[in-house]
Amino acid sequence: MTLAKVSSIVSITMASIHRRPDSQYWHAAYFGPDGRRILRSTKQSDRQAALAVALEYERASKLARRGELVEAQAREVLKDIMKRADIGETLQSPTIKSHFEGWLASKQARKSERTAERYKTAVNFFLKTLGKRANMTLTSLTARDVESFLDARTAEDLSPATVSLDVKIISGALNAARRLGLIPTNPAEAVELPEVESTERGTFSPAEVKLLVDTAEGEWKLLIPLAYYTAARLGDCCRLQWDGVDLGAGTLTYTQSKTGKKVTVPLHPDMLARLNKLAGTDKPEVFLLPKLASQRVSGRRGLSEDFKKIVRKAGLDLQTVKGTGKQMFSKRTFHSLRHTSNSEMANKGVSAEVRMGVTGHKSTREHQKYTHLEMDTRRAAVEKIPSLG
């Protein structure tokens, strides 16, 4: 574009505004940081508003020419442009702390209590690592800040898996900011995560599971078989409700707390017999395990630790080993019952697709082809799990 082709020239010191005969918008003409003349649209049809925008363009250019246009000043210039042009929208500039706290609040409303608490732990440590920088604008966050967080967590002798998960949580919050247009890129993506050596989860033999049931007391005598026959997680087992049990069809339906996925599994004949016997007592209970349903799952006083006590009382080995961090790791926990039932079906030749239908695992790319699994097929798979009777 050349100045000879525009009309309605209005000079304003060094900056000026121009408008083409066929355009509704005024253009600002000013000298850039390199001394070259720039002609840029103000996106304003009102002459006074266009003048205001042109002046701010020139002010930003002068600051840049002197090497003084830091981020904070640039944002102020943009705010002034929007204010002088009477633009209703405001420039979003949340602090690092406010963004992460808002993101955390949204996760706490949608995630399980345990998952939300895990997110909170990572975010709190991240903000603590930043110190006073947490009150700076989100756009000031750099990859080095995330690396410093990673280094701080690693220095606490945590396992690589724990540290890696912490960084992934922070990265998730920053991805949300990027999608909202608050930052152009996610600085956490430039950080190399530590290598994680997977520790194989232990399993129980059918005879050992029977020994656990015989050793257990109260509602644990039903809880352990439930996990063994349905491959459901501890929290889901404890909160199973009678309205999800269809004794006639021999099925159990529940929603996984971790994934939010609704799963219907066929009941093993032994499990069906146990539930029929319990249903015959005619107790007006909502939960299959009313006493355990209200108890905490994790933590030092949680049901996970209570299960370990049962394992020890039964004389079985928890297979405790030293993890990659400073903590000890038990390979055989309540979650091992989920691995046990899955392994038993696999050892009997049940396909991965059918097993995933029983366990409710997320589908891999290959398994996404399968949108429906017949209940008879799943029933046959479950019945391959050795009976405890």
Protein backbone atom coordinates (compact mmCIF):
# COMPACT_ATOMS: atom_id res chain seq x y z
CA MET A 1 0.00 0.00 0.00
CA THR A 2 1.33 3.50 -0.90
CA LEU A 3 0.36 6.77 0.71
CA ALA A 4 -0.45 8.18 -2.73
CA LYS A 5 -3.44 5.84 -2.96
CA VAL A 6 -5.11 6.99 0.23
CA SER A 7 -7.12 10.05 1.02
CA SER A 8 -8.32 12.04 4.06
CA ILE A 9 -4.82 12.39 5.51
CA VAL A 10 -4.69 13.76 9.03
CA SER A 11 -1.21 14.43 10.49
CA ILE A 12 -0.52 13.90 14.18
CA THR A 13 3.13 14.67 14.98
CA MET A 14 5.01 11.63 13.64
CA ALA A 15 1.96 9.38 13.36
CA SER A 16 -0.90 9.96 10.95
CA ILE A 17 -4.08 8.22 9.91
CA HIS A 18 -5.31 7.51 6.40
CA ARG A 19 -8.36 5.97 4.82
CA ARG A 20 -8.89 4.46 1.39
CA PRO A 21 -11.92 5.71 -0.54
CA ASP A 22 -13.27 2.15 -0.64
CA SER A 23 -12.49 1.21 3.00
CA GLN A 24 -14.51 1.88 6.14
CA TYR A 25 -11.43 1.64 8.38
CA TRP A 26 -8.69 4.17 9.09
CA HIS A 27 -5.04 3.10 8.80
CA ALA A 28 -2.25 4.35 11.06
CA ALA A 29 1.07 5.43 9.56
CA TYR A 30 4.09 5.59 11.87
CA PHE A 31 7.77 4.73 12.05
CA GLY A 32 8.58 1.21 13.26
CA PRO A 33 11.40 0.28 15.65
CA ASP A 34 13.74 -0.18 12.67
CA GLY A 35 12.97 3.31 11.29
CA ARG A 36 10.81 2.12 8.41
CA ARG A 37 7.38 3.62 7.76
CA ILE A 38 4.53 1.28 8.69
CA LEU A 39 0.92 1.47 7.54
CA ARG A 40 -1.42 -0.64 9.67
CA SER A 41 -5.18 -0.80 9.98
CA THR A 42 -6.65 0.51 13.21
CA LYS A 43 -9.87 -1.47 12.61
CA GLN A 44 -11.68 1.75 13.53
CA SER A 45 -14.20 3.60 11.36
CA ASP A 46 -14.43 6.54 13.78
CA ARG A 47 -11.69 9.13 13.14
CA GLN A 48 -11.08 10.02 16.82
CA ALA A 49 -10.86 6.39 17.84
CA ALA A 50 -8.45 5.75 14.95
CA LEU A 51 -6.26 8.65 16.09
CA ALA A 52 -6.12 7.20 19.59
CA VAL A 53 -5.07 3.80 18.28
CA ALA A 54 -2.42 5.38 16.01
CA LEU A 55 -0.90 7.23 18.94
CA GLU A 56 -0.60 4.01 20.94
CA TYR A 57 0.99 2.22 17.97
CA GLU A 58 3.58 4.99 17.85
CA ARG A 59 4.16 4.87 21.62
CA ALA A 60 4.80 1.12 21.53
CA SER A 61 7.16 1.59 18.57
CA LYS A 62 9.21 4.21 20.41
CA LEU A 63 9.51 2.00 23.48
CA ALA A 64 10.65 -0.91 21.32
CA ARG A 65 13.17 1.32 19.51
CA ARG A 66 14.74 2.20 22.87
CA GLY A 67 14.67 -1.43 24.01
CA GLU A 68 12.21 -0.64 26.78
CA LEU A 69 9.15 -2.55 25.58
CA VAL A 70 8.97 -5.26 28.23
CA GLU A 71 5.92 -7.50 28.56
CA ALA A 72 4.23 -5.46 31.28
CA GLN A 73 4.51 -2.25 29.23
CA ALA A 74 3.30 -4.00 26.08
CA ARG A 75 0.19 -5.19 27.88
CA GLU A 76 -0.43 -1.68 29.20
CA VAL A 77 -0.17 -0.29 25.67
CA LEU A 78 -2.72 -2.82 24.47
CA LYS A 79 -5.05 -1.92 27.33
CA ASP A 80 -4.75 1.77 26.46
CA ILE A 81 -5.50 1.05 22.81
CA MET A 82 -8.66 -0.83 23.76
CA LYS A 83 -9.65 1.90 26.22
CA ARG A 84 -9.09 4.83 23.84
CA ALA A 85 -10.85 3.02 21.04
CA ASP A 86 -13.77 2.34 23.39
CA ILE A 87 -13.54 -1.40 22.86
CA GLY A 88 -15.77 -3.23 25.29
CA GLU A 89 -13.60 -6.34 25.63
CA THR A 90 -10.89 -6.37 28.25
CA LEU A 91 -7.44 -7.87 27.93
CA GLN A 92 -7.22 -10.98 30.06
CA SER A 93 -4.07 -11.07 32.16
CA PRO A 94 -4.54 -13.59 34.99
CA THR A 95 -1.70 -14.27 37.37
CA ILE A 96 -0.11 -17.70 37.49
CA LYS A 97 -1.66 -18.31 40.89
CA SER A 98 -5.19 -17.22 39.92
CA HIS A 99 -5.19 -19.36 36.78
CA PHE A 100 -4.01 -22.50 38.57
CA GLU A 101 -6.44 -22.00 41.44
CA GLY A 102 -9.32 -21.54 39.01
CA TRP A 103 -8.28 -24.59 37.02
CA LEU A 104 -7.99 -26.61 40.23
CA ALA A 105 -11.48 -25.57 41.32
CA SER A 106 -12.93 -26.82 38.03
CA LYS A 107 -11.16 -30.16 38.46
CA GLN A 108 -12.38 -30.55 42.03
CA ALA A 109 -15.95 -30.18 40.79
CA ARG A 110 -15.60 -32.84 38.09
CA LYS A 111 -13.06 -35.35 39.38
CA SER A 112 -13.21 -37.90 42.17
CA GLU A 113 -12.10 -36.76 45.62
CA ARG A 114 -8.88 -38.74 45.43
CA THR A 115 -7.95 -37.44 41.97
CA ALA A 116 -8.79 -33.84 42.91
CA GLU A 117 -6.59 -34.13 45.99
CA ARG A 118 -3.71 -35.40 43.83
CA TYR A 119 -4.09 -32.39 41.51
CA LYS A 120 -4.16 -30.05 44.49
CA THR A 121 -0.91 -31.47 45.86
CA ALA A 122 0.93 -30.91 42.57
CA VAL A 123 -0.43 -27.38 42.09
CA ASN A 124 0.38 -26.32 45.65
CA PHE A 125 3.97 -27.54 45.32
CA PHE A 126 4.31 -25.79 41.97
CA LEU A 127 3.11 -22.45 43.33
CA LYS A 128 5.36 -22.87 46.36
CA THR A 129 8.34 -23.45 44.05
CA LEU A 130 7.56 -20.25 42.16
CA GLY A 131 7.48 -18.16 45.32
CA LYS A 132 6.65 -14.50 44.61
CA ARG A 133 6.67 -15.21 40.88
CA ALA A 134 3.30 -16.93 41.36
CA ASN A 135 1.73 -13.46 41.46
CA MET A 136 3.13 -12.50 38.06
CA THR A 137 1.11 -12.77 34.85
CA LEU A 138 0.60 -16.21 33.37
CA THR A 139 2.42 -15.21 30.19
CA SER A 140 5.63 -14.69 32.19
CA LEU A 141 5.82 -18.41 32.97
CA THR A 142 8.73 -20.17 31.25
CA ALA A 143 9.98 -23.70 30.67
CA ARG A 144 12.70 -22.98 33.21
CA ASP A 145 10.03 -22.44 35.89
CA VAL A 146 8.62 -25.90 35.17
CA GLU A 147 12.13 -27.40 35.16
CA SER A 148 12.80 -25.84 38.56
CA PHE A 149 9.62 -27.47 39.85
CA LEU A 150 10.73 -30.83 38.44
CA ASP A 151 14.16 -30.44 40.05
CA ALA A 152 12.61 -29.52 43.41
CA ARG A 153 10.35 -32.56 43.40
CA THR A 154 13.19 -34.84 42.33
CA ALA A 155 15.35 -33.49 45.17
CA GLU A 156 12.74 -34.80 47.63
CA ASP A 157 13.75 -38.31 46.53
CA LEU A 158 10.33 -39.00 45.04
CA SER A 159 9.94 -41.71 42.44
CA PRO A 160 10.26 -40.72 38.76
CA ALA A 161 6.64 -41.80 38.29
CA THR A 162 5.45 -39.36 40.97
CA VAL A 163 7.56 -36.50 39.61
CA SER A 164 6.43 -37.23 36.06
CA LEU A 165 2.78 -37.17 37.12
CA ASP A 166 3.29 -33.84 38.90
CA VAL A 167 4.67 -32.23 35.74
CA LYS A 168 1.87 -33.73 33.63
CA ILE A 169 -0.70 -32.16 35.96
CA ILE A 170 0.96 -28.75 35.62
CA SER A 171 1.12 -29.24 31.86
CA GLY A 172 -2.61 -30.02 31.82
CA ALA A 173 -3.39 -26.70 33.51
CA LEU A 174 -1.21 -24.86 31.01
CA ASN A 175 -2.85 -26.63 28.07
CA ALA A 176 -6.17 -25.34 29.36
CA ALA A 177 -4.71 -21.81 29.39
CA ARG A 178 -3.45 -22.23 25.84
CA ARG A 179 -6.87 -23.36 24.62
CA LEU A 180 -8.41 -20.29 26.25
CA GLY A 181 -5.94 -18.06 24.41
CA LEU A 182 -4.26 -16.91 27.63
CA ILE A 183 -0.83 -18.11 26.50
CA PRO A 184 0.45 -18.84 22.98
CA THR A 185 2.29 -22.07 23.89
CA ASN A 186 2.60 -24.49 26.77
CA PRO A 187 6.07 -24.05 28.37
CA ALA A 188 5.82 -27.45 30.09
CA GLU A 189 5.97 -29.18 26.71
CA ALA A 190 9.63 -28.16 26.44
CA VAL A 191 10.51 -30.00 29.67
CA GLU A 192 11.87 -33.54 29.40
CA LEU A 193 10.16 -35.89 31.82
CA PRO A 194 12.17 -38.42 33.87
CA GLU A 195 12.26 -42.00 32.66
CA VAL A 196 9.82 -44.19 34.57
CA GLU A 197 10.64 -47.81 35.27
CA SER A 198 7.38 -49.68 35.71
CA THR A 199 7.08 -51.99 38.70
CA GLU A 200 4.98 -55.00 37.85
CA ARG A 201 1.95 -55.44 40.07
CA GLY A 202 1.77 -58.78 41.89
CA THR A 203 -1.16 -61.18 41.74
CA PHE A 204 -2.75 -63.78 44.01
CA SER A 205 -3.46 -67.38 43.14
CA PRO A 206 -7.09 -68.57 43.46
CA ALA A 207 -6.05 -70.56 46.54
CA GLU A 208 -4.55 -67.44 48.11
CA VAL A 209 -7.71 -65.42 47.38
CA LYS A 210 -9.75 -68.13 49.14
CA LEU A 211 -7.38 -67.93 52.08
CA LEU A 212 -7.89 -64.16 52.22
CA VAL A 213 -11.68 -64.62 52.28
CA ASP A 214 -11.43 -67.21 55.04
CA THR A 215 -9.21 -64.89 57.07
CA ALA A 216 -11.32 -61.77 56.55
CA GLU A 217 -14.17 -60.73 58.84
CA GLY A 218 -17.44 -58.85 58.40
CA GLU A 219 -18.11 -57.19 55.03
CA TRP A 220 -14.59 -57.98 53.86
CA LYS A 221 -15.76 -61.54 53.26
CA LEU A 222 -17.95 -60.19 50.46
CA LEU A 223 -15.68 -57.35 49.35
CA ILE A 224 -12.74 -59.58 48.41
CA PRO A 225 -14.80 -61.94 46.19
CA LEU A 226 -16.47 -58.92 44.57
CA ALA A 227 -13.09 -57.58 43.49
CA TYR A 228 -11.87 -61.01 42.42
CA TYR A 229 -14.91 -61.84 40.28
CA THR A 230 -15.69 -58.40 38.83
CA ALA A 231 -12.18 -56.87 38.54
CA ALA A 232 -13.62 -53.65 40.00
CA ARG A 233 -11.48 -51.17 41.92
CA LEU A 234 -11.61 -50.90 45.71
CA GLY A 235 -13.62 -47.65 45.84
CA ASP A 236 -16.11 -48.91 43.26
CA CYS A 237 -16.55 -52.24 45.07
CA CYS A 238 -17.29 -50.51 48.37
CA ARG A 239 -19.94 -48.28 46.82
CA LEU A 240 -21.79 -50.86 44.75
CA GLN A 241 -25.55 -50.44 45.18
CA TRP A 242 -28.35 -52.98 45.11
CA ASP A 243 -30.16 -51.11 42.33
CA GLY A 244 -27.25 -52.10 40.07
CA VAL A 245 -27.70 -55.79 40.81
CA ASP A 246 -29.98 -57.84 38.54
CA LEU A 247 -30.19 -61.25 40.15
CA GLY A 248 -32.51 -62.53 37.43
CA ALA A 249 -30.19 -61.58 34.58
CA GLY A 250 -27.12 -62.30 36.69
CA THR A 251 -25.47 -58.94 36.03
CA LEU A 252 -23.95 -56.08 37.99
CA THR A 253 -23.96 -52.48 36.70
CA TYR A 254 -21.96 -49.63 38.18
CA THR A 255 -20.21 -46.40 37.15
CA GLN A 256 -16.45 -46.33 37.54
CA SER A 257 -15.42 -43.42 39.77
CA LYS A 258 -12.06 -43.05 38.01
CA THR A 259 -13.32 -42.88 34.41
CA GLY A 260 -17.04 -42.10 34.78
CA LYS A 261 -17.72 -45.07 32.51
CA LYS A 262 -20.80 -47.20 33.09
CA VAL A 263 -19.91 -50.89 33.17
CA THR A 264 -22.14 -53.94 33.20
CA VAL A 265 -20.47 -57.23 34.08
CA PRO A 266 -21.94 -60.72 34.34
CA LEU A 267 -21.90 -62.26 37.80
CA HIS A 268 -19.82 -65.37 38.32
CA PRO A 269 -22.04 -68.25 39.57
CA ASP A 270 -20.23 -68.22 42.92
CA MET A 271 -20.71 -64.44 43.25
CA LEU A 272 -24.35 -64.72 42.24
CA ALA A 273 -24.92 -67.34 44.93
CA ARG A 274 -23.31 -65.08 47.57
CA LEU A 275 -25.50 -62.13 46.57
CA ASN A 276 -28.66 -64.27 46.47
CA LYS A 277 -27.91 -65.41 49.99
CA LEU A 278 -27.36 -61.82 51.15
CA ALA A 279 -30.50 -60.58 49.38
CA GLY A 280 -32.52 -63.22 51.21
CA THR A 281 -32.00 -61.38 54.50
CA ASP A 282 -34.39 -58.65 53.25
CA LYS A 283 -32.36 -55.83 54.78
CA PRO A 284 -33.39 -52.46 53.26
CA GLU A 285 -29.82 -51.43 52.43
CA VAL A 286 -28.75 -49.11 49.59
CA PHE A 287 -25.18 -50.39 49.42
CA LEU A 288 -24.03 -53.97 49.19
CA LEU A 289 -21.42 -53.09 51.82
CA PRO A 290 -23.07 -50.35 53.93
CA LYS A 291 -20.35 -50.20 56.60
CA LEU A 292 -17.41 -50.05 54.19
CA ALA A 293 -19.17 -47.65 51.80
CA SER A 294 -18.60 -44.69 54.11
CA GLN A 295 -14.97 -45.40 54.89
CA ARG A 296 -11.89 -43.79 53.35
CA VAL A 297 -10.18 -45.87 50.68
CA SER A 298 -6.62 -44.53 50.72
CA GLY A 299 -4.34 -43.12 53.39
CA ARG A 300 -2.70 -44.65 56.44
CA ARG A 301 -6.09 -45.41 57.97
CA GLY A 302 -7.82 -46.28 54.73
CA LEU A 303 -9.22 -49.56 53.49
CA SER A 304 -6.10 -50.20 51.39
CA GLU A 305 -4.04 -50.53 54.57
CA ASP A 306 -6.74 -52.65 56.20
CA PHE A 307 -6.45 -55.09 53.30
CA LYS A 308 -2.70 -55.35 53.84
CA LYS A 309 -3.42 -56.36 57.44
CA ILE A 310 -5.64 -59.17 56.17
CA VAL A 311 -2.88 -60.31 53.83
CA ARG A 312 -0.38 -60.41 56.69
CA LYS A 313 -2.86 -62.17 58.99
CA ALA A 314 -3.38 -64.81 56.29
CA GLY A 315 0.36 -65.40 56.30
CA LEU A 316 0.82 -64.20 52.71
CA ASP A 317 3.67 -62.11 51.34
CA LEU A 318 2.89 -58.52 50.31
CA GLN A 319 6.01 -58.66 48.12
CA THR A 320 7.27 -55.34 49.43
CA VAL A 321 10.19 -53.93 47.48
CA LYS A 322 12.10 -50.66 47.40
CA GLY A 323 10.64 -48.31 44.81
CA THR A 324 12.60 -45.97 42.60
CA GLY A 325 12.25 -43.30 45.27
CA LYS A 326 12.73 -43.47 49.03
CA GLN A 327 9.43 -45.24 49.74
CA MET A 328 8.79 -48.95 49.91
CA PHE A 329 6.31 -50.44 47.47
CA SER A 330 3.98 -53.41 48.02
CA LYS A 331 3.43 -55.31 44.79
CA ARG A 332 0.44 -57.21 46.21
CA THR A 333 -2.34 -54.85 47.32
CA PHE A 334 -6.11 -54.82 46.95
CA HIS A 335 -5.65 -53.65 43.37
CA SER A 336 -3.84 -56.92 42.73
CA LEU A 337 -7.23 -58.65 42.83
CA ARG A 338 -8.12 -56.70 39.66
CA HIS A 339 -4.89 -57.91 38.07
CA THR A 340 -5.56 -61.44 39.32
CA SER A 341 -8.97 -61.82 37.69
CA ASN A 342 -7.70 -60.26 34.46
CA SER A 343 -4.68 -62.60 34.46
CA GLU A 344 -6.81 -65.66 35.14
CA MET A 345 -9.02 -64.88 32.15
CA ALA A 346 -5.97 -64.22 29.98
CA ASN A 347 -4.38 -67.52 31.03
CA LYS A 348 -7.58 -69.30 30.01
CA GLY A 349 -7.36 -67.83 26.51
CA VAL A 350 -9.90 -65.00 26.84
CA SER A 351 -9.14 -62.28 24.28
CA ALA A 352 -8.02 -58.81 25.34
CA GLU A 353 -11.15 -57.28 23.78
CA VAL A 354 -13.46 -59.40 25.91
CA ARG A 355 -11.40 -58.84 29.06
CA MET A 356 -11.56 -55.08 28.52
CA GLY A 357 -15.33 -55.37 28.34
CA VAL A 358 -15.30 -56.96 31.78
CA THR A 359 -12.75 -54.68 33.45
CA GLY A 360 -13.99 -51.48 31.80
CA HIS A 361 -10.48 -50.43 30.79
CA LYS A 362 -10.15 -47.61 28.27
CA SER A 363 -9.88 -48.93 24.73
CA THR A 364 -6.64 -48.77 22.82
CA ARG A 365 -6.65 -47.74 19.14
CA GLU A 366 -7.10 -51.36 18.11
CA HIS A 367 -9.90 -51.96 20.60
CA GLN A 368 -11.80 -48.90 19.40
CA LYS A 369 -13.07 -51.04 16.52
CA TYR A 370 -15.25 -52.94 18.96
CA THR A 371 -18.34 -51.00 19.94
CA HIS A 372 -20.34 -53.86 21.45
CA LEU A 373 -19.59 -57.10 23.25
CA GLU A 374 -22.26 -59.75 23.79
CA MET A 375 -23.04 -60.46 27.45
CA ASP A 376 -22.85 -64.21 26.82
CA THR A 377 -19.26 -63.79 25.66
CA ARG A 378 -18.38 -61.83 28.75
CA ARG A 379 -20.19 -64.35 30.94
CA ALA A 380 -18.14 -67.17 29.48
CA ALA A 381 -15.00 -65.17 30.19
CA VAL A 382 -15.94 -64.51 33.82
CA GLU A 383 -16.85 -68.15 34.40
CA LYS A 384 -13.29 -69.09 33.47
CA ILE A 385 -12.13 -67.48 36.73
CA PRO A 386 -11.58 -70.38 39.18
CA SER A 387 -14.26 -70.63 41.86
CA LEU A 388 -13.47 -69.97 45.49
CA GLY A 389 -16.04 -72.49 46.66
